């Protein structure tokens, strides 16, 4: 029983990991800082650990999909991120791919339901 639970957890994690880039990019049209992004995603049913999010944000920035800027006017400095024009382009393409994949999966699962 423990092995089955571990297998299910690992498979679920793989499935979620594949959706995190699209999830994050979907929320980055307007600038957000890390904690506000965590909250925004969680409100929409996508839980993400900050230890996963921050390296992902840095990687997306390095890939040119996000840009960052520091705001120091508040009580503490915050690093904000938002999609670049290139990020917008990639996001739209990923979104189209996701919609096609989701439609195909829905057909497969519906067929299985009988």
N, C-alpha and C. Protein backbone atom coordinates (compact mmCIF):
# COMPACT_ATOMS: atom_id res chain seq x y z
N UNK A 1 0.82 -1.20 0.00
CA UNK A 1 0.00 0.00 0.00
C UNK A 1 0.86 1.26 0.00
N UNK A 2 1.97 1.24 0.76
CA UNK A 2 2.87 2.38 0.79
C UNK A 2 3.54 2.61 -0.54
N UNK A 3 3.92 1.51 -1.22
CA UNK A 3 4.53 1.64 -2.54
C UNK A 3 3.57 2.26 -3.54
N UNK A 4 2.32 1.84 -3.47
CA UNK A 4 1.30 2.38 -4.38
C UNK A 4 1.12 3.88 -4.15
N UNK A 5 1.08 4.28 -2.89
CA UNK A 5 0.93 5.71 -2.56
C UNK A 5 2.12 6.51 -3.08
N UNK A 6 3.33 5.97 -2.89
CA UNK A 6 4.53 6.65 -3.39
C UNK A 6 4.51 6.77 -4.90
N UNK A 7 4.09 5.71 -5.57
CA UNK A 7 4.01 5.73 -7.03
C UNK A 7 3.02 6.79 -7.48
N UNK A 8 1.85 6.82 -6.86
CA UNK A 8 0.84 7.80 -7.22
C UNK A 8 1.34 9.22 -6.97
N UNK A 9 2.00 9.44 -5.84
CA UNK A 9 2.56 10.77 -5.55
C UNK A 9 3.60 11.17 -6.58
N UNK A 10 4.47 10.25 -6.97
CA UNK A 10 5.50 10.55 -7.96
C UNK A 10 4.89 10.85 -9.33
N UNK A 11 3.92 10.06 -9.74
CA UNK A 11 3.28 10.30 -11.02
C UNK A 11 2.50 11.61 -11.03
N UNK A 12 1.83 11.90 -9.92
CA UNK A 12 1.11 13.18 -9.80
C UNK A 12 2.07 14.35 -9.87
N UNK A 13 3.23 14.22 -9.22
CA UNK A 13 4.23 15.28 -9.24
C UNK A 13 4.75 15.51 -10.66
N UNK A 14 4.99 14.43 -11.40
CA UNK A 14 5.43 14.56 -12.79
C UNK A 14 4.39 15.29 -13.62
N UNK A 15 3.14 14.94 -13.44
CA UNK A 15 2.05 15.57 -14.18
C UNK A 15 1.98 17.06 -13.87
N UNK A 16 2.06 17.41 -12.59
CA UNK A 16 2.01 18.82 -12.19
C UNK A 16 3.22 19.60 -12.69
N UNK A 17 4.39 18.99 -12.61
CA UNK A 17 5.63 19.66 -13.01
C UNK A 17 5.53 20.13 -14.46
N UNK A 18 4.89 19.34 -15.28
CA UNK A 18 4.74 19.69 -16.68
C UNK A 18 3.82 20.87 -16.92
N UNK A 19 3.01 21.22 -15.95
CA UNK A 19 2.07 22.33 -16.13
C UNK A 19 2.52 23.62 -15.45
N UNK A 20 3.58 23.56 -14.66
CA UNK A 20 3.96 24.74 -13.87
C UNK A 20 4.43 25.91 -14.71
N UNK A 21 5.19 25.66 -15.78
CA UNK A 21 5.66 26.76 -16.62
C UNK A 21 4.47 27.50 -17.21
N UNK A 22 3.52 26.76 -17.77
CA UNK A 22 2.33 27.39 -18.34
C UNK A 22 1.53 28.12 -17.26
N UNK A 23 1.40 27.51 -16.10
CA UNK A 23 0.67 28.14 -14.99
C UNK A 23 1.30 29.48 -14.61
N UNK A 24 2.61 29.48 -14.45
CA UNK A 24 3.32 30.71 -14.06
C UNK A 24 3.22 31.76 -15.16
N UNK A 25 3.51 31.36 -16.39
CA UNK A 25 3.45 32.34 -17.49
C UNK A 25 2.05 32.94 -17.64
N UNK A 26 1.03 32.16 -17.35
CA UNK A 26 -0.35 32.66 -17.49
C UNK A 26 -0.64 33.81 -16.54
N UNK A 27 0.10 33.89 -15.45
CA UNK A 27 -0.16 34.90 -14.43
C UNK A 27 0.77 36.11 -14.52
N UNK A 28 1.66 36.14 -15.51
CA UNK A 28 2.72 37.14 -15.51
C UNK A 28 2.54 38.25 -16.54
N UNK A 29 1.32 38.48 -17.02
CA UNK A 29 1.10 39.60 -17.94
C UNK A 29 1.38 40.92 -17.21
N UNK A 30 0.91 41.01 -15.99
CA UNK A 30 1.20 42.16 -15.12
C UNK A 30 2.28 41.75 -14.13
N UNK A 31 3.05 42.70 -13.66
CA UNK A 31 4.15 42.36 -12.76
C UNK A 31 3.63 41.82 -11.43
N UNK A 32 4.35 40.84 -10.94
CA UNK A 32 4.04 40.22 -9.65
C UNK A 32 5.35 39.86 -8.98
N UNK A 33 5.34 39.88 -7.66
CA UNK A 33 6.49 39.37 -6.92
C UNK A 33 6.15 37.95 -6.47
N UNK A 34 7.17 37.21 -6.07
CA UNK A 34 7.02 35.78 -5.81
C UNK A 34 5.86 35.40 -4.92
N UNK A 35 5.76 36.02 -3.74
CA UNK A 35 4.72 35.63 -2.80
C UNK A 35 3.33 35.91 -3.36
N UNK A 36 3.16 37.03 -4.06
CA UNK A 36 1.84 37.33 -4.64
C UNK A 36 1.50 36.33 -5.73
N UNK A 37 2.51 35.83 -6.43
CA UNK A 37 2.29 34.82 -7.46
C UNK A 37 1.86 33.50 -6.82
N UNK A 38 2.51 33.11 -5.73
CA UNK A 38 2.11 31.90 -4.99
C UNK A 38 0.64 32.01 -4.59
N UNK A 39 0.26 33.15 -4.03
CA UNK A 39 -1.13 33.35 -3.61
C UNK A 39 -2.09 33.29 -4.79
N UNK A 40 -1.75 33.97 -5.87
CA UNK A 40 -2.59 34.01 -7.06
C UNK A 40 -2.82 32.60 -7.61
N UNK A 41 -1.75 31.83 -7.70
CA UNK A 41 -1.88 30.46 -8.21
C UNK A 41 -2.72 29.60 -7.26
N UNK A 42 -2.46 29.72 -5.96
CA UNK A 42 -3.21 28.91 -5.00
C UNK A 42 -4.70 29.25 -5.01
N UNK A 43 -5.04 30.53 -5.18
CA UNK A 43 -6.44 30.92 -5.26
C UNK A 43 -7.14 30.26 -6.45
N UNK A 44 -6.37 29.94 -7.47
CA UNK A 44 -6.92 29.33 -8.68
C UNK A 44 -6.75 27.81 -8.68
N UNK A 45 -6.33 27.25 -7.55
CA UNK A 45 -6.24 25.80 -7.41
C UNK A 45 -4.93 25.19 -7.84
N UNK A 46 -3.89 26.01 -8.05
CA UNK A 46 -2.57 25.50 -8.45
C UNK A 46 -1.59 25.78 -7.31
N UNK A 47 -1.36 24.77 -6.50
CA UNK A 47 -0.44 24.94 -5.38
C UNK A 47 1.00 24.83 -5.90
N UNK A 48 1.84 25.73 -5.41
CA UNK A 48 3.26 25.69 -5.80
C UNK A 48 4.10 26.07 -4.59
N UNK A 49 5.09 25.28 -4.34
CA UNK A 49 5.99 25.53 -3.22
C UNK A 49 6.95 26.66 -3.60
N UNK A 50 7.16 27.62 -2.72
CA UNK A 50 8.12 28.70 -3.03
C UNK A 50 9.50 28.18 -3.42
N UNK A 51 9.91 27.03 -2.85
CA UNK A 51 11.20 26.45 -3.20
C UNK A 51 11.24 25.94 -4.64
N UNK A 52 10.08 25.76 -5.23
CA UNK A 52 9.97 25.39 -6.63
C UNK A 52 9.82 26.64 -7.49
N UNK A 53 9.04 27.60 -6.98
CA UNK A 53 8.72 28.80 -7.75
C UNK A 53 9.94 29.68 -8.04
N UNK A 54 10.72 30.00 -7.04
CA UNK A 54 11.80 30.97 -7.23
C UNK A 54 12.85 30.50 -8.24
N UNK A 55 13.29 29.24 -8.17
CA UNK A 55 14.22 28.79 -9.23
C UNK A 55 13.57 28.81 -10.61
N UNK A 56 12.27 28.51 -10.67
CA UNK A 56 11.56 28.55 -11.95
C UNK A 56 11.52 29.97 -12.50
N UNK A 57 11.23 30.95 -11.64
CA UNK A 57 11.22 32.35 -12.09
C UNK A 57 12.59 32.77 -12.63
N UNK A 58 13.65 32.38 -11.92
CA UNK A 58 15.00 32.73 -12.39
C UNK A 58 15.31 32.06 -13.73
N UNK A 59 14.89 30.81 -13.87
CA UNK A 59 15.14 30.10 -15.13
C UNK A 59 14.38 30.74 -16.28
N UNK A 60 13.11 31.10 -16.05
CA UNK A 60 12.31 31.75 -17.09
C UNK A 60 12.89 33.11 -17.46
N UNK A 61 13.45 33.80 -16.49
CA UNK A 61 14.10 35.07 -16.77
C UNK A 61 15.36 34.84 -17.62
N UNK A 62 16.14 33.85 -17.25
CA UNK A 62 17.37 33.54 -18.00
C UNK A 62 17.04 33.15 -19.43
N UNK A 63 15.90 32.51 -19.64
CA UNK A 63 15.46 32.10 -20.98
C UNK A 63 14.85 33.25 -21.78
N UNK A 64 14.70 34.41 -21.13
CA UNK A 64 14.16 35.58 -21.82
C UNK A 64 12.64 35.66 -21.83
N UNK A 65 11.97 34.80 -21.07
CA UNK A 65 10.50 34.79 -21.04
C UNK A 65 9.94 35.77 -20.01
N UNK A 66 10.72 36.06 -18.99
CA UNK A 66 10.34 37.02 -17.95
C UNK A 66 11.44 38.06 -17.82
N UNK A 67 11.05 39.21 -17.32
CA UNK A 67 12.03 40.22 -16.92
C UNK A 67 11.73 40.58 -15.47
N UNK A 68 12.73 41.04 -14.78
CA UNK A 68 12.54 41.38 -13.36
C UNK A 68 12.96 42.82 -13.13
N UNK A 69 12.39 43.38 -12.08
CA UNK A 69 12.75 44.73 -11.64
C UNK A 69 12.55 44.80 -10.12
N UNK A 70 13.43 45.54 -9.48
CA UNK A 70 13.35 45.73 -8.04
C UNK A 70 12.55 46.98 -7.74
N UNK A 71 11.67 46.89 -6.75
CA UNK A 71 10.99 48.07 -6.23
C UNK A 71 11.40 48.21 -4.78
N UNK A 72 11.95 49.37 -4.46
CA UNK A 72 12.49 49.57 -3.11
C UNK A 72 11.71 50.63 -2.34
N UNK A 73 10.60 51.10 -2.89
CA UNK A 73 9.86 52.18 -2.25
C UNK A 73 9.02 51.76 -1.06
N UNK A 74 8.70 50.49 -0.94
CA UNK A 74 7.84 50.02 0.15
C UNK A 74 8.62 49.76 1.41
N UNK A 75 7.98 49.01 2.32
CA UNK A 75 8.61 48.70 3.60
C UNK A 75 9.83 47.79 3.43
N UNK A 76 9.80 46.95 2.38
CA UNK A 76 10.98 46.13 2.09
C UNK A 76 11.10 45.98 0.58
N UNK A 77 12.31 45.85 0.07
CA UNK A 77 12.50 45.72 -1.38
C UNK A 77 11.86 44.42 -1.90
N UNK A 78 11.27 44.52 -3.07
CA UNK A 78 10.66 43.34 -3.69
C UNK A 78 11.09 43.25 -5.14
N UNK A 79 11.34 42.02 -5.55
CA UNK A 79 11.69 41.77 -6.95
C UNK A 79 10.42 41.33 -7.68
N UNK A 80 10.05 42.11 -8.67
CA UNK A 80 8.86 41.83 -9.47
C UNK A 80 9.27 41.21 -10.80
N UNK A 81 8.40 40.36 -11.30
CA UNK A 81 8.60 39.72 -12.60
C UNK A 81 7.39 39.98 -13.47
N UNK A 82 7.61 40.01 -14.78
CA UNK A 82 6.51 40.02 -15.75
C UNK A 82 7.02 39.44 -17.06
N UNK A 83 6.05 39.01 -17.88
CA UNK A 83 6.41 38.42 -19.17
C UNK A 83 7.02 39.46 -20.09
N UNK A 84 7.98 39.04 -20.87
CA UNK A 84 8.55 39.88 -21.93
C UNK A 84 7.69 39.68 -23.19
N UNK A 85 7.99 40.44 -24.23
CA UNK A 85 7.29 40.23 -25.50
C UNK A 85 7.54 38.81 -26.01
N UNK A 86 8.78 38.34 -25.87
CA UNK A 86 9.11 36.97 -26.25
C UNK A 86 8.33 35.99 -25.38
N UNK A 87 8.22 36.29 -24.08
CA UNK A 87 7.44 35.46 -23.16
C UNK A 87 5.97 35.40 -23.56
N UNK A 88 5.43 36.54 -24.03
CA UNK A 88 4.03 36.55 -24.51
C UNK A 88 3.86 35.60 -25.68
N UNK A 89 4.82 35.66 -26.61
CA UNK A 89 4.77 34.82 -27.81
C UNK A 89 4.84 33.33 -27.43
N UNK A 90 5.79 32.98 -26.59
CA UNK A 90 5.95 31.58 -26.16
C UNK A 90 4.72 31.14 -25.36
N UNK A 91 4.23 32.01 -24.49
CA UNK A 91 3.04 31.67 -23.70
C UNK A 91 1.86 31.34 -24.61
N UNK A 92 1.62 32.14 -25.63
CA UNK A 92 0.50 31.89 -26.54
C UNK A 92 0.66 30.55 -27.25
N UNK A 93 1.87 30.23 -27.66
CA UNK A 93 2.12 28.95 -28.33
C UNK A 93 1.93 27.77 -27.37
N UNK A 94 2.44 27.92 -26.15
CA UNK A 94 2.25 26.86 -25.15
C UNK A 94 0.77 26.69 -24.81
N UNK A 95 0.08 27.81 -24.72
CA UNK A 95 -1.36 27.75 -24.41
C UNK A 95 -2.11 26.98 -25.50
N UNK A 96 -1.79 27.25 -26.76
CA UNK A 96 -2.42 26.54 -27.87
C UNK A 96 -2.11 25.05 -27.79
N UNK A 97 -0.84 24.73 -27.52
CA UNK A 97 -0.47 23.32 -27.39
C UNK A 97 -1.22 22.66 -26.24
N UNK A 98 -1.34 23.38 -25.13
CA UNK A 98 -2.07 22.84 -23.97
C UNK A 98 -3.53 22.58 -24.33
N UNK A 99 -4.17 23.53 -25.00
CA UNK A 99 -5.58 23.37 -25.35
C UNK A 99 -5.78 22.16 -26.27
N UNK A 100 -4.87 21.96 -27.21
CA UNK A 100 -4.95 20.81 -28.10
C UNK A 100 -4.73 19.51 -27.33
N UNK A 101 -3.74 19.51 -26.46
CA UNK A 101 -3.46 18.33 -25.64
C UNK A 101 -4.63 18.01 -24.72
N UNK A 102 -5.17 19.02 -24.08
CA UNK A 102 -6.29 18.82 -23.15
C UNK A 102 -7.52 18.29 -23.90
N UNK A 103 -7.76 18.80 -25.10
CA UNK A 103 -8.90 18.32 -25.88
C UNK A 103 -8.70 16.85 -26.26
N UNK A 104 -7.49 16.48 -26.65
CA UNK A 104 -7.20 15.09 -26.97
C UNK A 104 -7.34 14.19 -25.76
N UNK A 105 -6.83 14.64 -24.62
CA UNK A 105 -6.95 13.85 -23.39
C UNK A 105 -8.42 13.68 -23.00
N UNK A 106 -9.19 14.73 -23.15
CA UNK A 106 -10.62 14.66 -22.81
C UNK A 106 -11.31 13.61 -23.68
N UNK A 107 -10.96 13.55 -24.96
CA UNK A 107 -11.53 12.53 -25.85
C UNK A 107 -11.13 11.13 -25.40
N UNK A 108 -9.85 10.95 -25.04
CA UNK A 108 -9.39 9.66 -24.57
C UNK A 108 -10.11 9.23 -23.30
N UNK A 109 -10.24 10.14 -22.37
CA UNK A 109 -10.86 9.81 -21.09
C UNK A 109 -12.37 9.59 -21.25
N UNK A 110 -12.99 10.35 -22.10
CA UNK A 110 -14.43 10.19 -22.36
C UNK A 110 -14.69 8.84 -23.02
N UNK A 111 -13.82 8.46 -23.95
CA UNK A 111 -13.94 7.16 -24.62
C UNK A 111 -13.84 6.03 -23.60
N UNK A 112 -12.95 6.19 -22.66
CA UNK A 112 -12.74 5.15 -21.64
C UNK A 112 -13.95 5.04 -20.70
N UNK A 113 -14.63 6.18 -20.47
CA UNK A 113 -15.81 6.17 -19.59
C UNK A 113 -16.96 5.41 -20.22
N UNK A 114 -16.93 5.32 -21.56
CA UNK A 114 -17.95 4.55 -22.27
C UNK A 114 -19.09 5.37 -22.60
